[in-house]
Amino acid sequence: MRGLLRAVSTVLIAAGVLLILDAGATVAWQEPVSAVYAKITQDRLARELDHISVADLSAVQRNALQTLRTEQRRMAFLARALRRDVQEGDAIGRIRIKRIGVDFVVVEGTDPASLRKGPGHYTQTPLPGLGGTAAIAGHRTTYAAPFRRLDELRRDDRITVQMPYGTFTYAVQRAKIVSPKALWVIQRQAYDRLVLTACHPLYSAAQRIVVFARLLGSTPRGAAVLGGGA
């Protein structure tokens, strides 16, 4: 019995130490267990994204693209095609923010399952290239914490969103702390923009931090370059 008690005590002490270490890592960096899961998931999503980028278009899509004379119209055509085909949790693009070290695959959807994979595109907003307000949400303390340092962004910092059909560059305008119910932040404006959202403050979901960024320009990729080319 004494040996059993000693063994149980050792297990409990070890578990307590692990919990303390996990809490310390979460405060200083991010939650480590979910970070490992997110890293594995992001690697898989990156491979999926590469497949989207080189996937062959149907004959009908190629013929339609050949009739579109501007890069903007071809990107919009391909954005609509992607939106029709994509499911929640699927990879759709990649977001990069140099100032805060962000380089993540973006998935479709902001439901809990999708956000465990990476930053998620609000399904009720257009994809980049379709005009209006595109919006992306992300975690700050768990699942690789892609938007942990969102509060460090400053005016004119660049945000790049790379889609299979084009690369879109935005300049940060401002950040604002709002209620979780403040849906006005993703409303359409008179110009094309990107909105990033995350819980605020750290370790709390009481509010949201929202970063607004204005589209500076776009560069076509893949089939959008030549209207049907690979």
C-alpha atoms as a PDB file:
ATOM      1  CA  MET A   1       0.000   0.000   0.000  1.00  0.00           C
ATOM      2  CA  ARG A   2       2.851   2.376   0.836  1.00  0.00           C
ATOM      3  CA  GLY A   3       4.438   1.713  -2.557  1.00  0.00           C
ATOM      4  CA  LEU A   4       1.140   2.338  -4.313  1.00  0.00           C
ATOM      5  CA  LEU A   5       0.672   5.632  -2.497  1.00  0.00           C
ATOM      6  CA  ARG A   6       4.209   6.661  -3.410  1.00  0.00           C
ATOM      7  CA  ALA A   7       3.557   5.864  -7.079  1.00  0.00           C
ATOM      8  CA  VAL A   8       0.275   7.785  -7.084  1.00  0.00           C
ATOM      9  CA  SER A   9       1.955  10.756  -5.426  1.00  0.00           C
ATOM     10  CA  THR A  10       4.719  10.735  -8.036  1.00  0.00           C
ATOM     11  CA  VAL A  11       2.184  10.702 -10.870  1.00  0.00           C
ATOM     12  CA  LEU A  12       0.215  13.563  -9.318  1.00  0.00           C
ATOM     13  CA  ILE A  13       3.353  15.639  -8.786  1.00  0.00           C
ATOM     14  CA  ALA A  14       4.466  15.022 -12.369  1.00  0.00           C
ATOM     15  CA  ALA A  15       1.024  15.965 -13.664  1.00  0.00           C
ATOM     16  CA  GLY A  16       1.079  19.149 -11.594  1.00  0.00           C
ATOM     17  CA  VAL A  17       4.497  20.101 -12.949  1.00  0.00           C
ATOM     18  CA  LEU A  18       3.311  19.514 -16.525  1.00  0.00           C
ATOM     19  CA  LEU A  19       0.248  21.670 -15.936  1.00  0.00           C
ATOM     20  CA  ILE A  20       2.409  24.476 -14.541  1.00  0.00           C
ATOM     21  CA  LEU A  21       4.792  24.230 -17.482  1.00  0.00           C
ATOM     22  CA  ASP A  22       1.877  24.240 -19.914  1.00  0.00           C
ATOM     23  CA  ALA A  23       0.382  27.321 -18.248  1.00  0.00           C
ATOM     24  CA  GLY A  24       3.745  29.088 -18.283  1.00  0.00           C
ATOM     25  CA  ALA A  25       4.292  28.319 -21.955  1.00  0.00           C
ATOM     26  CA  THR A  26       0.800  29.560 -22.775  1.00  0.00           C
ATOM     27  CA  VAL A  27       1.392  32.885 -21.021  1.00  0.00           C
ATOM     28  CA  ALA A  28       4.854  33.418 -22.513  1.00  0.00           C
ATOM     29  CA  TRP A  29       4.236  31.989 -25.981  1.00  0.00           C
ATOM     30  CA  GLN A  30       1.127  29.912 -26.762  1.00  0.00           C
ATOM     31  CA  GLU A  31      -0.595  26.718 -25.679  1.00  0.00           C
ATOM     32  CA  PRO A  32       1.978  24.053 -26.690  1.00  0.00           C
ATOM     33  CA  VAL A  33      -0.211  20.973 -27.165  1.00  0.00           C
ATOM     34  CA  SER A  34      -2.623  22.644 -29.580  1.00  0.00           C
ATOM     35  CA  ALA A  35       0.361  24.327 -31.270  1.00  0.00           C
ATOM     36  CA  VAL A  36       1.768  20.916 -32.241  1.00  0.00           C
ATOM     37  CA  TYR A  37      -1.625  19.888 -33.622  1.00  0.00           C
ATOM     38  CA  ALA A  38      -1.860  23.132 -35.607  1.00  0.00           C
ATOM     39  CA  LYS A  39       1.661  22.697 -37.028  1.00  0.00           C
ATOM     40  CA  ILE A  40       0.822  19.236 -38.336  1.00  0.00           C
ATOM     41  CA  THR A  41      -2.477  20.483 -39.744  1.00  0.00           C
ATOM     42  CA  GLN A  42      -0.869  23.510 -41.394  1.00  0.00           C
ATOM     43  CA  ASP A  43       1.687  21.303 -43.150  1.00  0.00           C
ATOM     44  CA  ARG A  44      -1.135  19.198 -44.587  1.00  0.00           C
ATOM     45  CA  LEU A  45      -3.107  22.283 -45.624  1.00  0.00           C
ATOM     46  CA  ALA A  46      -0.047  23.702 -47.383  1.00  0.00           C
ATOM     47  CA  ARG A  47       0.088  20.598 -49.556  1.00  0.00           C
ATOM     48  CA  GLU A  48      -3.619  20.959 -50.305  1.00  0.00           C
ATOM     49  CA  LEU A  49      -3.087  24.593 -51.250  1.00  0.00           C
ATOM     50  CA  ASP A  50      -0.282  23.666 -53.646  1.00  0.00           C
ATOM     51  CA  HIS A  51      -2.655  21.239 -55.317  1.00  0.00           C
ATOM     52  CA  ILE A  52      -5.282  23.968 -55.744  1.00  0.00           C
ATOM     53  CA  SER A  53      -2.686  26.268 -57.251  1.00  0.00           C
ATOM     54  CA  VAL A  54      -1.732  23.818 -60.020  1.00  0.00           C
ATOM     55  CA  ALA A  55      -5.075  22.089 -60.488  1.00  0.00           C
ATOM     56  CA  ASP A  56      -6.267  21.908 -64.094  1.00  0.00           C
ATOM     57  CA  LEU A  57      -9.318  23.918 -65.028  1.00  0.00           C
ATOM     58  CA  SER A  58     -12.217  22.367 -66.875  1.00  0.00           C
ATOM     59  CA  ALA A  59     -12.609  23.024 -70.577  1.00  0.00           C
ATOM     60  CA  VAL A  60     -15.646  25.188 -69.868  1.00  0.00           C
ATOM     61  CA  GLN A  61     -13.684  27.321 -67.384  1.00  0.00           C
ATOM     62  CA  ARG A  62     -10.780  27.724 -69.799  1.00  0.00           C
ATOM     63  CA  ASN A  63     -13.098  28.847 -72.578  1.00  0.00           C
ATOM     64  CA  ALA A  64     -14.796  31.313 -70.252  1.00  0.00           C
ATOM     65  CA  LEU A  65     -11.465  32.752 -69.111  1.00  0.00           C
ATOM     66  CA  GLN A  66     -10.365  33.300 -72.690  1.00  0.00           C
ATOM     67  CA  THR A  67     -13.268  35.711 -73.147  1.00  0.00           C
ATOM     68  CA  LEU A  68     -12.231  37.868 -70.179  1.00  0.00           C
ATOM     69  CA  ARG A  69      -9.839  40.621 -71.243  1.00  0.00           C
ATOM     70  CA  THR A  70      -8.641  42.014 -67.912  1.00  0.00           C
ATOM     71  CA  GLU A  71      -6.701  40.436 -65.069  1.00  0.00           C
ATOM     72  CA  GLN A  72      -9.216  41.731 -62.539  1.00  0.00           C
ATOM     73  CA  ARG A  73     -12.115  40.018 -64.290  1.00  0.00           C
ATOM     74  CA  ARG A  74     -10.176  36.755 -64.577  1.00  0.00           C
ATOM     75  CA  MET A  75      -9.264  36.845 -60.883  1.00  0.00           C
ATOM     76  CA  ALA A  76     -12.888  37.509 -59.976  1.00  0.00           C
ATOM     77  CA  PHE A  77     -14.024  34.622 -62.191  1.00  0.00           C
ATOM     78  CA  LEU A  78     -11.598  32.230 -60.486  1.00  0.00           C
ATOM     79  CA  ALA A  79     -12.510  33.561 -57.031  1.00  0.00           C
ATOM     80  CA  ARG A  80     -16.166  32.773 -57.695  1.00  0.00           C
ATOM     81  CA  ALA A  81     -15.227  29.297 -58.932  1.00  0.00           C
ATOM     82  CA  LEU A  82     -13.187  28.639 -55.772  1.00  0.00           C
ATOM     83  CA  ARG A  83     -15.979  29.884 -53.560  1.00  0.00           C
ATOM     84  CA  ARG A  84     -18.464  27.515 -55.194  1.00  0.00           C
ATOM     85  CA  ASP A  85     -16.212  24.497 -54.710  1.00  0.00           C
ATOM     86  CA  VAL A  86     -14.701  25.100 -51.277  1.00  0.00           C
ATOM     87  CA  GLN A  87     -16.019  23.526 -48.074  1.00  0.00           C
ATOM     88  CA  GLU A  88     -15.584  24.729 -44.486  1.00  0.00           C
ATOM     89  CA  GLY A  89     -12.152  23.736 -43.239  1.00  0.00           C
ATOM     90  CA  ASP A  90     -10.609  23.603 -46.733  1.00  0.00           C
ATOM     91  CA  ALA A  91      -7.437  25.525 -47.541  1.00  0.00           C
ATOM     92  CA  ILE A  92      -8.096  28.607 -49.676  1.00  0.00           C
ATOM     93  CA  GLY A  93      -4.992  30.815 -49.450  1.00  0.00           C
ATOM     94  CA  ARG A  94      -2.084  32.057 -47.343  1.00  0.00           C
ATOM     95  CA  ILE A  95      -1.746  35.184 -45.185  1.00  0.00           C
ATOM     96  CA  ARG A  96       1.624  36.804 -44.492  1.00  0.00           C
ATOM     97  CA  ILE A  97       2.319  39.726 -42.144  1.00  0.00           C
ATOM     98  CA  LYS A  98       6.045  40.438 -41.840  1.00  0.00           C
ATOM     99  CA  ARG A  99       5.891  42.732 -38.788  1.00  0.00           C
ATOM    100  CA  ILE A 100       4.359  40.076 -36.533  1.00  0.00           C
ATOM    101  CA  GLY A 101       5.809  36.950 -38.141  1.00  0.00           C
ATOM    102  CA  VAL A 102       2.557  35.615 -39.580  1.00  0.00           C
ATOM    103  CA  ASP A 103       2.743  33.025 -42.370  1.00  0.00           C
ATOM    104  CA  PHE A 104      -0.272  30.714 -42.263  1.00  0.00           C
ATOM    105  CA  VAL A 105      -2.557  28.843 -44.593  1.00  0.00           C
ATOM    106  CA  VAL A 106      -6.080  30.291 -44.418  1.00  0.00           C
ATOM    107  CA  VAL A 107      -9.080  27.972 -44.359  1.00  0.00           C
ATOM    108  CA  GLU A 108     -12.704  28.574 -45.236  1.00  0.00           C
ATOM    109  CA  GLY A 109     -14.955  29.139 -42.214  1.00  0.00           C
ATOM    110  CA  THR A 110     -14.774  30.518 -38.690  1.00  0.00           C
ATOM    111  CA  ASP A 111     -16.464  27.641 -36.863  1.00  0.00           C
ATOM    112  CA  PRO A 112     -14.403  26.101 -34.003  1.00  0.00           C
ATOM    113  CA  ALA A 113     -13.253  23.122 -36.085  1.00  0.00           C
ATOM    114  CA  SER A 114     -11.990  25.341 -38.897  1.00  0.00           C
ATOM    115  CA  LEU A 115     -10.180  27.780 -36.585  1.00  0.00           C
ATOM    116  CA  ARG A 116      -8.308  24.884 -34.991  1.00  0.00           C
ATOM    117  CA  LYS A 117      -6.615  24.446 -38.381  1.00  0.00           C
ATOM    118  CA  GLY A 118      -5.574  28.058 -38.877  1.00  0.00           C
ATOM    119  CA  PRO A 119      -6.921  31.535 -39.636  1.00  0.00           C
ATOM    120  CA  GLY A 120     -10.446  31.260 -41.053  1.00  0.00           C
ATOM    121  CA  HIS A 121     -12.228  33.271 -43.719  1.00  0.00           C
ATOM    122  CA  TYR A 122     -15.664  34.570 -42.753  1.00  0.00           C
ATOM    123  CA  THR A 123     -17.976  32.724 -45.132  1.00  0.00           C
ATOM    124  CA  GLN A 124     -20.399  35.665 -45.263  1.00  0.00           C
ATOM    125  CA  THR A 125     -17.716  37.937 -46.751  1.00  0.00           C
ATOM    126  CA  PRO A 126     -16.284  37.840 -50.293  1.00  0.00           C
ATOM    127  CA  LEU A 127     -12.956  36.295 -51.145  1.00  0.00           C
ATOM    128  CA  PRO A 128     -10.171  38.695 -52.148  1.00  0.00           C
ATOM    129  CA  GLY A 129     -10.683  39.640 -55.771  1.00  0.00           C
ATOM    130  CA  LEU A 130     -14.472  39.860 -55.527  1.00  0.00           C
ATOM    131  CA  GLY A 131     -14.587  43.372 -54.102  1.00  0.00           C
ATOM    132  CA  GLY A 132     -15.875  44.578 -50.760  1.00  0.00           C
ATOM    133  CA  THR A 133     -14.696  43.502 -47.316  1.00  0.00           C
ATOM    134  CA  ALA A 134     -12.891  40.192 -46.953  1.00  0.00           C
ATOM    135  CA  ALA A 135     -12.560  39.122 -43.313  1.00  0.00           C
ATOM    136  CA  ILE A 136     -10.333  36.584 -41.530  1.00  0.00           C
ATOM    137  CA  ALA A 137     -10.415  35.458 -37.882  1.00  0.00           C
ATOM    138  CA  GLY A 138      -7.690  33.717 -35.881  1.00  0.00           C
ATOM    139  CA  HIS A 139      -6.755  32.488 -32.411  1.00  0.00           C
ATOM    140  CA  ARG A 140      -4.352  34.387 -30.128  1.00  0.00           C
ATOM    141  CA  THR A 141      -3.312  31.765 -27.546  1.00  0.00           C
ATOM    142  CA  THR A 142      -4.168  28.316 -28.924  1.00  0.00           C
ATOM    143  CA  TYR A 143      -3.698  26.306 -32.140  1.00  0.00           C
ATOM    144  CA  ALA A 144      -0.447  28.055 -33.147  1.00  0.00           C
ATOM    145  CA  ALA A 145      -1.919  31.435 -32.122  1.00  0.00           C
ATOM    146  CA  PRO A 146      -1.683  32.969 -35.613  1.00  0.00           C
ATOM    147  CA  PHE A 147      -3.036  36.362 -34.504  1.00  0.00           C
ATOM    148  CA  ARG A 148      -1.393  36.535 -31.056  1.00  0.00           C
ATOM    149  CA  ARG A 149       0.505  39.746 -31.902  1.00  0.00           C
ATOM    150  CA  LEU A 150      -2.280  41.436 -33.848  1.00  0.00           C
ATOM    151  CA  ASP A 151      -2.164  44.389 -31.437  1.00  0.00           C
ATOM    152  CA  GLU A 152       1.401  45.170 -32.571  1.00  0.00           C
ATOM    153  CA  LEU A 153       0.369  46.140 -36.091  1.00  0.00           C
ATOM    154  CA  ARG A 154       0.801  49.787 -37.003  1.00  0.00           C
ATOM    155  CA  ARG A 155      -0.594  52.065 -39.681  1.00  0.00           C
ATOM    156  CA  ASP A 156       0.725  51.239 -43.193  1.00  0.00           C
ATOM    157  CA  ASP A 157       2.086  47.825 -42.195  1.00  0.00           C
ATOM    158  CA  ARG A 158       1.669  45.465 -45.122  1.00  0.00           C
ATOM    159  CA  ILE A 159      -0.550  42.375 -45.145  1.00  0.00           C
ATOM    160  CA  THR A 160      -0.366  39.949 -48.064  1.00  0.00           C
ATOM    161  CA  VAL A 161      -3.051  37.402 -48.891  1.00  0.00           C
ATOM    162  CA  GLN A 162      -2.002  34.928 -51.565  1.00  0.00           C
ATOM    163  CA  MET A 163      -4.849  33.123 -53.270  1.00  0.00           C
ATOM    164  CA  PRO A 164      -4.534  30.480 -56.013  1.00  0.00           C
ATOM    165  CA  TYR A 165      -5.590  33.107 -58.566  1.00  0.00           C
ATOM    166  CA  GLY A 166      -3.863  36.239 -57.249  1.00  0.00           C
ATOM    167  CA  THR A 167      -1.802  37.969 -54.579  1.00  0.00           C
ATOM    168  CA  PHE A 168      -3.467  40.858 -52.730  1.00  0.00           C
ATOM    169  CA  THR A 169      -1.530  43.467 -50.766  1.00  0.00           C
ATOM    170  CA  TYR A 170      -3.175  45.568 -48.068  1.00  0.00           C
ATOM    171  CA  ALA A 171      -1.983  48.454 -45.879  1.00  0.00           C
ATOM    172  CA  VAL A 172      -3.125  48.626 -42.248  1.00  0.00           C
ATOM    173  CA  GLN A 173      -5.377  51.582 -41.529  1.00  0.00           C
ATOM    174  CA  ARG A 174      -6.204  51.185 -37.842  1.00  0.00           C
ATOM    175  CA  ALA A 175      -7.120  48.785 -35.044  1.00  0.00           C
ATOM    176  CA  LYS A 176     -10.172  48.923 -32.823  1.00  0.00           C
ATOM    177  CA  ILE A 177     -11.440  47.012 -29.772  1.00  0.00           C
ATOM    178  CA  VAL A 178     -15.093  46.069 -30.132  1.00  0.00           C
ATOM    179  CA  SER A 179     -17.811  43.839 -28.710  1.00  0.00           C
ATOM    180  CA  PRO A 180     -18.044  40.254 -30.016  1.00  0.00           C
ATOM    181  CA  LYS A 181     -21.445  41.263 -31.427  1.00  0.00           C
ATOM    182  CA  ALA A 182     -20.065  44.156 -33.493  1.00  0.00           C
ATOM    183  CA  LEU A 183     -20.853  42.707 -36.914  1.00  0.00           C
ATOM    184  CA  TRP A 184     -20.559  46.139 -38.516  1.00  0.00           C
ATOM    185  CA  VAL A 185     -16.809  45.571 -38.781  1.00  0.00           C
ATOM    186  CA  ILE A 186     -17.264  43.222 -41.739  1.00  0.00           C
ATOM    187  CA  GLN A 187     -19.750  45.388 -43.628  1.00  0.00           C
ATOM    188  CA  ARG A 188     -18.972  46.430 -47.194  1.00  0.00           C
ATOM    189  CA  GLN A 189     -17.314  49.803 -47.729  1.00  0.00           C
ATOM    190  CA  ALA A 190     -16.828  52.041 -50.752  1.00  0.00           C
ATOM    191  CA  TYR A 191     -13.392  50.475 -51.292  1.00  0.00           C
ATOM    192  CA  ASP A 192     -11.895  46.989 -51.106  1.00  0.00           C
ATOM    193  CA  ARG A 193     -10.446  46.076 -47.738  1.00  0.00           C
ATOM    194  CA  LEU A 194      -9.362  43.284 -45.401  1.00  0.00           C
ATOM    195  CA  VAL A 195     -10.509  42.880 -41.799  1.00  0.00           C
ATOM    196  CA  LEU A 196      -8.662  40.693 -39.268  1.00  0.00           C
ATOM    197  CA  THR A 197     -10.320  39.757 -35.981  1.00  0.00           C
ATOM    198  CA  ALA A 198      -9.262  37.940 -32.806  1.00  0.00           C
ATOM    199  CA  CYS A 199     -10.274  37.657 -29.167  1.00  0.00           C
ATOM    200  CA  HIS A 200      -9.137  40.413 -26.808  1.00  0.00           C
ATOM    201  CA  PRO A 201      -7.459  40.686 -24.394  1.00  0.00           C
ATOM    202  CA  LEU A 202      -5.172  37.659 -24.374  1.00  0.00           C
ATOM    203  CA  TYR A 203      -6.703  34.648 -22.552  1.00  0.00           C
ATOM    204  CA  SER A 204     -10.175  36.187 -22.787  1.00  0.00           C
ATOM    205  CA  ALA A 205     -13.081  36.253 -25.258  1.00  0.00           C
ATOM    206  CA  ALA A 206     -14.736  39.287 -23.650  1.00  0.00           C
ATOM    207  CA  GLN A 207     -13.936  41.571 -26.607  1.00  0.00           C
ATOM    208  CA  ARG A 208     -12.497  41.497 -30.105  1.00  0.00           C
ATOM    209  CA  ILE A 209      -9.500  43.262 -31.586  1.00  0.00           C
ATOM    210  CA  VAL A 210     -10.141  44.231 -35.183  1.00  0.00           C
ATOM    211  CA  VAL A 211      -7.540  45.388 -37.695  1.00  0.00           C
ATOM    212  CA  PHE A 212      -8.732  47.229 -40.801  1.00  0.00           C
ATOM    213  CA  ALA A 213      -6.564  47.303 -43.930  1.00  0.00           C
ATOM    214  CA  ARG A 214      -7.112  48.860 -47.352  1.00  0.00           C
ATOM    215  CA  LEU A 215      -6.284  47.095 -50.617  1.00  0.00           C
ATOM    216  CA  LEU A 216      -3.233  48.600 -52.314  1.00  0.00           C
ATOM    217  CA  GLY A 217      -3.070  46.329 -55.324  1.00  0.00           C
ATOM    218  CA  SER A 218      -3.240  42.819 -56.691  1.00  0.00           C
ATOM    219  CA  THR A 219      -1.146  40.598 -58.948  1.00  0.00           C
ATOM    220  CA  PRO A 220      -2.700  37.698 -60.859  1.00  0.00           C
ATOM    221  CA  ARG A 221      -1.464  34.147 -60.404  1.00  0.00           C
ATOM    222  CA  GLY A 222      -1.979  30.850 -62.190  1.00  0.00           C
ATOM    223  CA  ALA A 223      -4.822  30.747 -64.673  1.00  0.00           C
ATOM    224  CA  ALA A 224      -5.618  34.435 -64.132  1.00  0.00           C
ATOM    225  CA  VAL A 225      -2.348  35.484 -65.798  1.00  0.00           C
ATOM    226  CA  LEU A 226      -3.154  34.273 -69.271  1.00  0.00           C
ATOM    227  CA  GLY A 227      -6.850  33.582 -68.974  1.00  0.00           C
ATOM    228  CA  GLY A 228      -6.737  29.812 -68.768  1.00  0.00           C
ATOM    229  CA  GLY A 229      -3.022  29.034 -68.671  1.00  0.00           C
ATOM    230  CA  ALA A 230      -1.587  26.691 -66.068  1.00  0.00           C
END
